[in-house]
Amino acid sequence: MECVFCKIRDREIPKEFTYEDDEVMVFPDIHPIKPVHFLVVLKKHVEDFLDVEPEDLEKLAKIIKKIVKDKELGDKGYRLGINGGGAQIIEHLHVHLMSPFGKQER
């Protein structure tokens, strides 16, 4: 399998993690569109949002909440994005967490 995120998970591609546990990894996007732009990625290979199990979404939500709190993004405005159906560049489910957004953007 030629999945970039699986290669990152398997340490074939070096990456500095913002957060990592047994099931989820978080790291900066290599092409950020905001000053804060993290990718929140399941370590298990799931190609598309339509394939994800509810318990995996719960894991992602838990980690996203942790990152938002730890990085104090709550008052700065943040956006979550999930691409699917072929709109994603890398076919491995991931959530974009970007900040700042909204009236607090600076």
Protein backbone atom coordinates (compact mmCIF):
# COMPACT_ATOMS: atom_id res chain seq x y z
CA MET A 1 0.00 0.00 0.00
CA GLU A 2 1.33 3.41 -0.94
CA CYS A 3 -0.46 5.47 1.70
CA VAL A 4 1.55 8.43 2.99
CA PHE A 5 -0.25 8.44 6.35
CA CYS A 6 0.35 4.71 6.84
CA LYS A 7 4.04 5.30 6.07
CA ILE A 8 4.08 8.10 8.68
CA ARG A 9 2.36 5.77 11.16
CA ASP A 10 4.95 3.05 10.43
CA ARG A 11 7.84 5.55 10.79
CA GLU A 12 8.87 5.09 7.16
CA ILE A 13 8.42 8.84 6.75
CA PRO A 14 9.72 10.91 9.68
CA LYS A 15 7.23 13.28 11.25
CA GLU A 16 7.10 15.34 14.41
CA PHE A 17 3.81 14.65 16.16
CA THR A 18 1.73 17.24 17.98
CA TYR A 19 -0.08 14.33 19.66
CA GLU A 20 0.09 10.56 19.37
CA ASP A 21 -1.47 7.56 21.08
CA ASP A 22 -2.12 3.95 20.00
CA GLU A 23 -4.98 4.90 17.67
CA VAL A 24 -4.60 8.52 16.58
CA MET A 25 -1.77 10.77 15.41
CA VAL A 26 -1.78 14.55 15.00
CA PHE A 27 0.80 16.54 13.07
CA PRO A 28 1.09 19.83 11.17
CA ASP A 29 -0.12 19.93 7.57
CA ILE A 30 2.80 20.36 5.17
CA HIS A 31 0.77 22.95 3.21
CA PRO A 32 -0.97 24.96 5.94
CA ILE A 33 -3.67 27.45 5.02
CA LYS A 34 -3.81 28.98 8.51
CA PRO A 35 -1.16 29.59 11.20
CA VAL A 36 -2.53 26.51 13.01
CA HIS A 37 -3.28 23.63 10.63
CA PHE A 38 -3.11 20.13 12.04
CA LEU A 39 -4.10 16.81 10.53
CA VAL A 40 -5.85 14.46 12.94
CA VAL A 41 -5.45 10.95 11.56
CA LEU A 42 -6.59 7.50 12.61
CA LYS A 43 -3.66 5.10 12.60
CA LYS A 44 -5.98 2.41 11.27
CA HIS A 45 -6.30 2.80 7.50
CA VAL A 46 -9.81 4.00 6.71
CA GLU A 47 -10.09 5.41 3.20
CA ASP A 48 -13.23 7.51 3.40
CA PHE A 49 -15.64 9.11 5.85
CA LEU A 50 -18.35 6.70 4.63
CA ASP A 51 -16.18 3.79 5.81
CA VAL A 52 -15.49 5.04 9.34
CA GLU A 53 -17.01 3.37 12.41
CA PRO A 54 -18.80 5.50 15.03
CA GLU A 55 -16.31 4.54 17.73
CA ASP A 56 -13.47 5.83 15.55
CA LEU A 57 -15.27 9.15 15.11
CA GLU A 58 -15.59 9.33 18.89
CA LYS A 59 -11.81 8.84 19.21
CA LEU A 60 -11.15 11.60 16.70
CA ALA A 61 -13.59 13.95 18.44
CA LYS A 62 -11.95 13.32 21.82
CA ILE A 63 -8.49 14.16 20.48
CA ILE A 64 -9.71 17.20 18.53
CA LYS A 65 -11.29 18.58 21.71
CA LYS A 66 -8.02 17.98 23.57
CA ILE A 67 -5.97 19.80 20.92
CA VAL A 68 -8.42 22.74 20.80
CA LYS A 69 -8.18 23.10 24.58
CA ASP A 70 -4.41 22.50 24.83
CA LYS A 71 -3.65 25.00 22.03
CA GLU A 72 -6.25 27.48 23.35
CA LEU A 73 -8.06 27.69 20.02
CA GLY A 74 -11.56 27.99 21.48
CA ASP A 75 -11.57 31.80 21.55
CA LYS A 76 -9.63 32.20 18.30
CA GLY A 77 -12.13 30.45 16.08
CA TYR A 78 -11.31 27.12 14.50
CA ARG A 79 -12.54 25.04 11.61
CA LEU A 80 -12.71 21.29 11.11
CA GLY A 81 -12.67 19.85 7.62
CA ILE A 82 -13.09 16.33 6.25
CA ASN A 83 -12.76 15.63 2.53
CA GLY A 84 -14.29 12.51 1.01
CA GLY A 85 -15.56 10.85 -2.11
CA GLY A 86 -12.32 11.43 -3.98
CA ALA A 87 -11.94 15.07 -2.88
CA GLN A 88 -9.07 14.14 -0.59
CA ILE A 89 -5.50 14.11 -1.87
CA ILE A 90 -4.53 11.24 0.43
CA GLU A 91 -7.13 8.49 0.61
CA HIS A 92 -6.84 7.91 4.34
CA LEU A 93 -9.47 9.53 6.55
CA HIS A 94 -8.17 12.65 8.28
CA VAL A 95 -9.57 15.78 9.84
CA HIS A 96 -8.10 19.21 9.20
CA LEU A 97 -8.06 21.39 12.34
CA MET A 98 -7.36 25.00 11.36
CA SER A 99 -7.25 28.27 13.28
CA PRO A 100 -7.77 31.24 13.61
CA PHE A 101 -11.15 31.91 11.96
CA GLY A 102 -13.99 34.33 12.50
CA LYS A 103 -14.19 37.65 14.27
CA GLN A 104 -11.31 36.77 16.58
CA GLU A 105 -8.93 36.17 13.64
CA ARG A 106 -5.68 38.07 13.97
